[in-house]
Amino acid sequence: MTQEVLFEIVGKSGVITLNRPEALNALTLNMVRLMKPVLADWAVNDAVAHIVIEGAGLLLFLQLQMYMHDHHKNHFLGHHNQ
C-alpha cells in the first residue's frame, strides 16, 4: 500500500508530500491525522525552520493557483465567502 503522505527534512525544511495523484492529491481526514503528530514534532525541532507542502504530480499546484486566483478575484470584486 502506498503511503498517502510522505515526510522528510531537507536542509531546514520540513517537507510534506501529498501522495495521492490518482485523486488529484485531495486531502482526506486520514491525511490530516497523519500530518498532525509530525507537525507537532517539527514545531519544537530547531532543525526545522519552515514547512513545504507539495503534491505528487503537478495538480496540487494548479489547484492552489486556481483557488488563489478565484479568491483574489472575488475579494477584488467585493465578493467574500462566508
PDB file of N, CA and C in Angstrom:
ATOM      1  N   MET A   1       0.846  -1.193   0.000  1.00  0.00           N
ATOM      2  CA  MET A   1       0.000   0.000   0.000  1.00  0.00           C
ATOM      3  C   MET A   1       0.884   1.246   0.000  1.00  0.00           C
ATOM      4  N   THR A   2       0.561   2.186  -0.860  1.00  0.00           N
ATOM      5  CA  THR A   2       1.306   3.429  -0.953  1.00  0.00           C
ATOM      6  C   THR A   2       0.916   4.357   0.188  1.00  0.00           C
ATOM      7  N   GLN A   3       1.920   5.003   0.767  1.00  0.00           N
ATOM      8  CA  GLN A   3       1.640   5.969   1.828  1.00  0.00           C
ATOM      9  C   GLN A   3       0.991   7.215   1.235  1.00  0.00           C
ATOM     10  N   GLU A   4      -0.073   7.699   1.873  1.00  0.00           N
ATOM     11  CA  GLU A   4      -0.792   8.874   1.384  1.00  0.00           C
ATOM     12  C   GLU A   4      -0.035  10.171   1.611  1.00  0.00           C
ATOM     13  N   VAL A   5       0.803  10.211   2.638  1.00  0.00           N
ATOM     14  CA  VAL A   5       1.566  11.402   2.962  1.00  0.00           C
ATOM     15  C   VAL A   5       3.002  10.973   3.262  1.00  0.00           C
ATOM     16  N   LEU A   6       3.954  11.683   2.680  1.00  0.00           N
ATOM     17  CA  LEU A   6       5.367  11.400   2.901  1.00  0.00           C
ATOM     18  C   LEU A   6       5.988  12.573   3.648  1.00  0.00           C
ATOM     19  N   PHE A   7       6.929  12.278   4.525  1.00  0.00           N
ATOM     20  CA  PHE A   7       7.569  13.309   5.344  1.00  0.00           C
ATOM     21  C   PHE A   7       9.080  13.174   5.247  1.00  0.00           C
ATOM     22  N   GLU A   8       9.765  14.308   5.155  1.00  0.00           N
ATOM     23  CA  GLU A   8      11.228  14.302   5.225  1.00  0.00           C
ATOM     24  C   GLU A   8      11.708  15.694   5.616  1.00  0.00           C
ATOM     25  N   ILE A   9      12.900  15.744   6.150  1.00  0.00           N
ATOM     26  CA  ILE A   9      13.545  17.017   6.444  1.00  0.00           C
ATOM     27  C   ILE A   9      14.670  17.177   5.444  1.00  0.00           C
ATOM     28  N   VAL A  10      14.628  18.293   4.716  1.00  0.00           N
ATOM     29  CA  VAL A  10      15.640  18.600   3.713  1.00  0.00           C
ATOM     30  C   VAL A  10      16.226  19.952   4.080  1.00  0.00           C
ATOM     31  N   GLY A  11      17.467  19.939   4.503  1.00  0.00           N
ATOM     32  CA  GLY A  11      18.054  21.181   4.994  1.00  0.00           C
ATOM     33  C   GLY A  11      17.290  21.636   6.217  1.00  0.00           C
ATOM     34  N   LYS A  12      16.769  22.851   6.189  1.00  0.00           N
ATOM     35  CA  LYS A  12      15.966  23.368   7.306  1.00  0.00           C
ATOM     36  C   LYS A  12      14.471  23.325   7.000  1.00  0.00           C
ATOM     37  N   SER A  13      14.108  22.584   5.948  1.00  0.00           N
ATOM     38  CA  SER A  13      12.710  22.483   5.539  1.00  0.00           C
ATOM     39  C   SER A  13      12.103  21.161   5.971  1.00  0.00           C
ATOM     40  N   GLY A  14      10.942  21.226   6.597  1.00  0.00           N
ATOM     41  CA  GLY A  14      10.133  20.037   6.801  1.00  0.00           C
ATOM     42  C   GLY A  14       9.263  19.899   5.562  1.00  0.00           C
ATOM     43  N   VAL A  15       9.429  18.815   4.822  1.00  0.00           N
ATOM     44  CA  VAL A  15       8.722  18.647   3.547  1.00  0.00           C
ATOM     45  C   VAL A  15       7.630  17.594   3.707  1.00  0.00           C
ATOM     46  N   ILE A  16       6.418  17.992   3.377  1.00  0.00           N
ATOM     47  CA  ILE A  16       5.262  17.098   3.371  1.00  0.00           C
ATOM     48  C   ILE A  16       4.848  16.921   1.916  1.00  0.00           C
ATOM     49  N   THR A  17       4.766  15.670   1.477  1.00  0.00           N
ATOM     50  CA  THR A  17       4.317  15.387   0.117  1.00  0.00           C
ATOM     51  C   THR A  17       2.985  14.656   0.175  1.00  0.00           C
ATOM     52  N   LEU A  18       1.964  15.286  -0.387  1.00  0.00           N
ATOM     53  CA  LEU A  18       0.666  14.628  -0.522  1.00  0.00           C
ATOM     54  C   LEU A  18       0.807  13.635  -1.674  1.00  0.00           C
ATOM     55  N   ASN A  19       0.554  12.363  -1.395  1.00  0.00           N
ATOM     56  CA  ASN A  19       0.893  11.304  -2.332  1.00  0.00           C
ATOM     57  C   ASN A  19      -0.352  10.554  -2.826  1.00  0.00           C
ATOM     58  N   ARG A  20      -1.289  11.316  -3.369  1.00  0.00           N
ATOM     59  CA  ARG A  20      -2.499  10.720  -3.941  1.00  0.00           C
ATOM     60  C   ARG A  20      -2.758  11.311  -5.320  1.00  0.00           C
ATOM     61  N   PRO A  21      -1.811  11.175  -6.252  1.00  0.00           N
ATOM     62  CA  PRO A  21      -2.000  11.807  -7.561  1.00  0.00           C
ATOM     63  C   PRO A  21      -3.229  11.286  -8.296  1.00  0.00           C
ATOM     64  N   GLU A  22      -3.623  10.040  -8.035  1.00  0.00           N
ATOM     65  CA  GLU A  22      -4.805   9.483  -8.698  1.00  0.00           C
ATOM     66  C   GLU A  22      -6.084  10.185  -8.256  1.00  0.00           C
ATOM     67  N   ALA A  23      -6.038  10.837  -7.088  1.00  0.00           N
ATOM     68  CA  ALA A  23      -7.181  11.588  -6.559  1.00  0.00           C
ATOM     69  C   ALA A  23      -6.892  13.091  -6.570  1.00  0.00           C
ATOM     70  N   LEU A  24      -5.969  13.506  -7.441  1.00  0.00           N
ATOM     71  CA  LEU A  24      -5.571  14.909  -7.557  1.00  0.00           C
ATOM     72  C   LEU A  24      -5.043  15.471  -6.235  1.00  0.00           C
ATOM     73  N   ASN A  25      -4.475  14.587  -5.417  1.00  0.00           N
ATOM     74  CA  ASN A  25      -3.906  14.940  -4.116  1.00  0.00           C
ATOM     75  C   ASN A  25      -4.926  15.589  -3.182  1.00  0.00           C
ATOM     76  N   ALA A  26      -6.182  15.195  -3.348  1.00  0.00           N
ATOM     77  CA  ALA A  26      -7.226  15.707  -2.463  1.00  0.00           C
ATOM     78  C   ALA A  26      -6.915  15.285  -1.028  1.00  0.00           C
ATOM     79  N   LEU A  27      -7.029  16.230  -0.123  1.00  0.00           N
ATOM     80  CA  LEU A  27      -6.717  16.000   1.285  1.00  0.00           C
ATOM     81  C   LEU A  27      -7.859  15.258   1.961  1.00  0.00           C
ATOM     82  N   THR A  28      -7.526  14.192   2.681  1.00  0.00           N
ATOM     83  CA  THR A  28      -8.522  13.420   3.422  1.00  0.00           C
ATOM     84  C   THR A  28      -8.309  13.618   4.917  1.00  0.00           C
ATOM     85  N   LEU A  29      -9.307  13.243   5.694  1.00  0.00           N
ATOM     86  CA  LEU A  29      -9.182  13.327   7.145  1.00  0.00           C
ATOM     87  C   LEU A  29      -8.031  12.455   7.631  1.00  0.00           C
ATOM     88  N   ASN A  30      -7.845  11.292   7.046  1.00  0.00           N
ATOM     89  CA  ASN A  30      -6.737  10.422   7.428  1.00  0.00           C
ATOM     90  C   ASN A  30      -5.394  11.110   7.185  1.00  0.00           C
ATOM     91  N   MET A  31      -5.269  11.834   6.078  1.00  0.00           N
ATOM     92  CA  MET A  31      -4.016  12.536   5.789  1.00  0.00           C
ATOM     93  C   MET A  31      -3.743  13.612   6.846  1.00  0.00           C
ATOM     94  N   VAL A  32      -4.790  14.321   7.244  1.00  0.00           N
ATOM     95  CA  VAL A  32      -4.644  15.341   8.292  1.00  0.00           C
ATOM     96  C   VAL A  32      -4.192  14.683   9.598  1.00  0.00           C
ATOM     97  N   ARG A  33      -4.774  13.538   9.913  1.00  0.00           N
ATOM     98  CA  ARG A  33      -4.389  12.813  11.134  1.00  0.00           C
ATOM     99  C   ARG A  33      -2.938  12.351  11.071  1.00  0.00           C
ATOM    100  N   LEU A  34      -2.461  11.980   9.890  1.00  0.00           N
ATOM    101  CA  LEU A  34      -1.057  11.582   9.732  1.00  0.00           C
ATOM    102  C   LEU A  34      -0.123  12.774   9.896  1.00  0.00           C
ATOM    103  N   MET A  35      -0.542  13.938   9.428  1.00  0.00           N
ATOM    104  CA  MET A  35       0.308  15.131   9.480  1.00  0.00           C
ATOM    105  C   MET A  35       0.406  15.739  10.872  1.00  0.00           C
ATOM    106  N   LYS A  36      -0.662  15.635  11.654  1.00  0.00           N
ATOM    107  CA  LYS A  36      -0.723  16.329  12.949  1.00  0.00           C
ATOM    108  C   LYS A  36       0.458  16.014  13.875  1.00  0.00           C
ATOM    109  N   PRO A  37       0.792  14.745  14.130  1.00  0.00           N
ATOM    110  CA  PRO A  37       1.910  14.498  15.052  1.00  0.00           C
ATOM    111  C   PRO A  37       3.259  14.908  14.477  1.00  0.00           C
ATOM    112  N   VAL A  38       3.416  14.793  13.170  1.00  0.00           N
ATOM    113  CA  VAL A  38       4.678  15.203  12.547  1.00  0.00           C
ATOM    114  C   VAL A  38       4.843  16.715  12.661  1.00  0.00           C
ATOM    115  N   LEU A  39       3.787  17.453  12.381  1.00  0.00           N
ATOM    116  CA  LEU A  39       3.851  18.911  12.518  1.00  0.00           C
ATOM    117  C   LEU A  39       4.120  19.328  13.961  1.00  0.00           C
ATOM    118  N   ALA A  40       3.534  18.620  14.914  1.00  0.00           N
ATOM    119  CA  ALA A  40       3.788  18.915  16.329  1.00  0.00           C
ATOM    120  C   ALA A  40       5.259  18.681  16.670  1.00  0.00           C
ATOM    121  N   ASP A  41       5.829  17.601  16.158  1.00  0.00           N
ATOM    122  CA  ASP A  41       7.257  17.326  16.383  1.00  0.00           C
ATOM    123  C   ASP A  41       8.129  18.394  15.737  1.00  0.00           C
ATOM    124  N   TRP A  42       7.805  18.757  14.504  1.00  0.00           N
ATOM    125  CA  TRP A  42       8.610  19.757  13.800  1.00  0.00           C
ATOM    126  C   TRP A  42       8.496  21.134  14.451  1.00  0.00           C
ATOM    127  N   ALA A  43       7.369  21.423  15.100  1.00  0.00           N
ATOM    128  CA  ALA A  43       7.171  22.723  15.746  1.00  0.00           C
ATOM    129  C   ALA A  43       8.176  22.966  16.861  1.00  0.00           C
ATOM    130  N   VAL A  44       8.664  21.902  17.489  1.00  0.00           N
ATOM    131  CA  VAL A  44       9.631  22.046  18.590  1.00  0.00           C
ATOM    132  C   VAL A  44      11.026  21.595  18.184  1.00  0.00           C
ATOM    133  N   ASN A  45      11.221  21.317  16.903  1.00  0.00           N
ATOM    134  CA  ASN A  45      12.514  20.869  16.392  1.00  0.00           C
ATOM    135  C   ASN A  45      13.250  22.076  15.806  1.00  0.00           C
ATOM    136  N   ASP A  46      14.338  22.480  16.449  1.00  0.00           N
ATOM    137  CA  ASP A  46      15.095  23.640  15.980  1.00  0.00           C
ATOM    138  C   ASP A  46      15.706  23.437  14.599  1.00  0.00           C
ATOM    139  N   ALA A  47      15.796  22.204  14.144  1.00  0.00           N
ATOM    140  CA  ALA A  47      16.358  21.915  12.819  1.00  0.00           C
ATOM    141  C   ALA A  47      15.369  22.248  11.703  1.00  0.00           C
ATOM    142  N   VAL A  48      14.098  22.433  12.042  1.00  0.00           N
ATOM    143  CA  VAL A  48      13.075  22.731  11.036  1.00  0.00           C
ATOM    144  C   VAL A  48      12.678  24.203  11.157  1.00  0.00           C
ATOM    145  N   ALA A  49      13.000  24.974  10.119  1.00  0.00           N
ATOM    146  CA  ALA A  49      12.707  26.407  10.133  1.00  0.00           C
ATOM    147  C   ALA A  49      11.375  26.735   9.469  1.00  0.00           C
ATOM    148  N   HIS A  50      10.952  25.900   8.519  1.00  0.00           N
ATOM    149  CA  HIS A  50       9.702  26.153   7.811  1.00  0.00           C
ATOM    150  C   HIS A  50       9.187  24.850   7.207  1.00  0.00           C
ATOM    151  N   ILE A  51       7.936  24.894   6.763  1.00  0.00           N
ATOM    152  CA  ILE A  51       7.272  23.715   6.207  1.00  0.00           C
ATOM    153  C   ILE A  51       6.971  23.966   4.728  1.00  0.00           C
ATOM    154  N   VAL A  52       7.225  22.942   3.918  1.00  0.00           N
ATOM    155  CA  VAL A  52       6.886  22.968   2.499  1.00  0.00           C
ATOM    156  C   VAL A  52       5.882  21.846   2.265  1.00  0.00           C
ATOM    157  N   ILE A  53       4.757  22.179   1.642  1.00  0.00           N
ATOM    158  CA  ILE A  53       3.771  21.158   1.289  1.00  0.00           C
ATOM    159  C   ILE A  53       3.744  21.063  -0.227  1.00  0.00           C
ATOM    160  N   GLU A  54       3.981  19.861  -0.715  1.00  0.00           N
ATOM    161  CA  GLU A  54       3.975  19.638  -2.148  1.00  0.00           C
ATOM    162  C   GLU A  54       3.092  18.447  -2.460  1.00  0.00           C
ATOM    163  N   GLY A  55       2.767  18.280  -3.707  1.00  0.00           N
ATOM    164  CA  GLY A  55       1.934  17.166  -4.121  1.00  0.00           C
ATOM    165  C   GLY A  55       2.643  16.322  -5.155  1.00  0.00           C
ATOM    166  N   ALA A  56       2.381  15.034  -5.132  1.00  0.00           N
ATOM    167  CA  ALA A  56       2.900  14.147  -6.160  1.00  0.00           C
ATOM    168  C   ALA A  56       2.246  14.556  -7.474  1.00  0.00           C
ATOM    169  N   GLY A  57       3.023  14.824  -8.476  1.00  0.00           N
ATOM    170  CA  GLY A  57       2.487  15.325  -9.738  1.00  0.00           C
ATOM    171  C   GLY A  57       2.349  16.839  -9.677  1.00  0.00           C
ATOM    172  N   LEU A  58       1.688  17.415 -10.667  1.00  0.00           N
ATOM    173  CA  LEU A  58       1.582  18.869 -10.771  1.00  0.00           C
ATOM    174  C   LEU A  58       0.252  19.431 -10.303  1.00  0.00           C
ATOM    175  N   LEU A  59      -0.742  18.609 -10.100  1.00  0.00           N
ATOM    176  CA  LEU A  59      -2.091  19.122  -9.904  1.00  0.00           C
ATOM    177  C   LEU A  59      -2.298  19.882  -8.612  1.00  0.00           C
ATOM    178  N   LEU A  60      -1.554  19.588  -7.564  1.00  0.00           N
ATOM    179  CA  LEU A  60      -1.707  20.352  -6.330  1.00  0.00           C
ATOM    180  C   LEU A  60      -1.448  21.822  -6.597  1.00  0.00           C
ATOM    181  N   PHE A  61      -0.396  22.112  -7.311  1.00  0.00           N
ATOM    182  CA  PHE A  61      -0.032  23.492  -7.553  1.00  0.00           C
ATOM    183  C   PHE A  61      -1.022  24.175  -8.493  1.00  0.00           C
ATOM    184  N   LEU A  62      -1.532  23.460  -9.479  1.00  0.00           N
ATOM    185  CA  LEU A  62      -2.540  24.034 -10.361  1.00  0.00           C
ATOM    186  C   LEU A  62      -3.809  24.345  -9.586  1.00  0.00           C
ATOM    187  N   GLN A  63      -4.217  23.444  -8.702  1.00  0.00           N
ATOM    188  CA  GLN A  63      -5.414  23.672  -7.913  1.00  0.00           C
ATOM    189  C   GLN A  63      -5.226  24.868  -6.989  1.00  0.00           C
ATOM    190  N   LEU A  64      -4.070  24.983  -6.358  1.00  0.00           N
ATOM    191  CA  LEU A  64      -3.815  26.119  -5.477  1.00  0.00           C
ATOM    192  C   LEU A  64      -3.814  27.420  -6.260  1.00  0.00           C
ATOM    193  N   GLN A  65      -3.213  27.406  -7.444  1.00  0.00           N
ATOM    194  CA  GLN A  65      -3.192  28.616  -8.250  1.00  0.00           C
ATOM    195  C   GLN A  65      -4.608  29.015  -8.648  1.00  0.00           C
ATOM    196  N   MET A  66      -5.432  28.040  -9.027  1.00  0.00           N
ATOM    197  CA  MET A  66      -6.808  28.341  -9.397  1.00  0.00           C
ATOM    198  C   MET A  66      -7.576  28.889  -8.201  1.00  0.00           C
ATOM    199  N   TYR A  67      -7.382  28.293  -7.020  1.00  0.00           N
ATOM    200  CA  TYR A  67      -8.061  28.760  -5.814  1.00  0.00           C
ATOM    201  C   TYR A  67      -7.626  30.191  -5.492  1.00  0.00           C
ATOM    202  N   MET A  68      -6.315  30.425  -5.504  1.00  0.00           N
ATOM    203  CA  MET A  68      -5.816  31.750  -5.156  1.00  0.00           C
ATOM    204  C   MET A  68      -6.312  32.786  -6.166  1.00  0.00           C
ATOM    205  N   HIS A  69      -6.313  32.427  -7.440  1.00  0.00           N
ATOM    206  CA  HIS A  69      -6.805  33.350  -8.462  1.00  0.00           C
ATOM    207  C   HIS A  69      -8.267  33.704  -8.201  1.00  0.00           C
ATOM    208  N   ASP A  70      -9.098  32.684  -7.976  1.00  0.00           N
ATOM    209  CA  ASP A  70     -10.517  32.922  -7.725  1.00  0.00           C
ATOM    210  C   ASP A  70     -10.728  33.709  -6.438  1.00  0.00           C
ATOM    211  N   HIS A  71      -9.967  33.373  -5.391  1.00  0.00           N
ATOM    212  CA  HIS A  71     -10.110  34.066  -4.111  1.00  0.00           C
ATOM    213  C   HIS A  71      -9.777  35.548  -4.258  1.00  0.00           C
ATOM    214  N   HIS A  72      -8.654  35.842  -4.884  1.00  0.00           N
ATOM    215  CA  HIS A  72      -8.247  37.240  -5.038  1.00  0.00           C
ATOM    216  C   HIS A  72      -9.196  37.992  -5.977  1.00  0.00           C
ATOM    217  N   LYS A  73      -9.662  37.333  -7.025  1.00  0.00           N
ATOM    218  CA  LYS A  73     -10.608  37.959  -7.947  1.00  0.00           C
ATOM    219  C   LYS A  73     -11.900  38.302  -7.205  1.00  0.00           C
ATOM    220  N   ASN A  74     -12.427  37.353  -6.423  1.00  0.00           N
ATOM    221  CA  ASN A  74     -13.663  37.597  -5.682  1.00  0.00           C
ATOM    222  C   ASN A  74     -13.476  38.689  -4.635  1.00  0.00           C
ATOM    223  N   HIS A  75     -12.302  38.691  -3.973  1.00  0.00           N
ATOM    224  CA  HIS A  75     -12.018  39.719  -2.977  1.00  0.00           C
ATOM    225  C   HIS A  75     -11.980  41.095  -3.641  1.00  0.00           C
ATOM    226  N   PHE A  76     -11.323  41.171  -4.787  1.00  0.00           N
ATOM    227  CA  PHE A  76     -11.220  42.429  -5.508  1.00  0.00           C
ATOM    228  C   PHE A  76     -12.602  42.933  -5.948  1.00  0.00           C
ATOM    229  N   LEU A  77     -13.464  42.008  -6.352  1.00  0.00           N
ATOM    230  CA  LEU A  77     -14.794  42.372  -6.819  1.00  0.00           C
ATOM    231  C   LEU A  77     -15.775  42.614  -5.678  1.00  0.00           C
ATOM    232  N   GLY A  78     -15.325  42.427  -4.449  1.00  0.00           N
ATOM    233  CA  GLY A  78     -16.183  42.667  -3.302  1.00  0.00           C
ATOM    234  C   GLY A  78     -16.985  41.462  -2.869  1.00  0.00           C
ATOM    235  N   HIS A  79     -16.708  40.297  -3.448  1.00  0.00           N
ATOM    236  CA  HIS A  79     -17.395  39.059  -3.044  1.00  0.00           C
ATOM    237  C   HIS A  79     -16.562  38.367  -1.987  1.00  0.00           C
ATOM    238  N   HIS A  80     -17.166  37.997  -0.900  1.00  0.00           N
ATOM    239  CA  HIS A  80     -16.461  37.325   0.178  1.00  0.00           C
ATOM    240  C   HIS A  80     -17.180  36.032   0.508  1.00  0.00           C
ATOM    241  N   ASN A  81     -16.424  34.954   0.620  1.00  0.00           N
ATOM    242  CA  ASN A  81     -17.012  33.676   1.049  1.00  0.00           C
ATOM    243  C   ASN A  81     -17.150  33.710   2.548  1.00  0.00           C
ATOM    244  N   GLN A  82     -18.322  33.489   3.039  1.00  0.00           N
ATOM    245  CA  GLN A  82     -18.578  33.494   4.479  1.00  0.00           C
ATOM    246  C   GLN A  82     -18.459  32.105   5.024  1.00  0.00           C
TER     247      GLN A  82
END
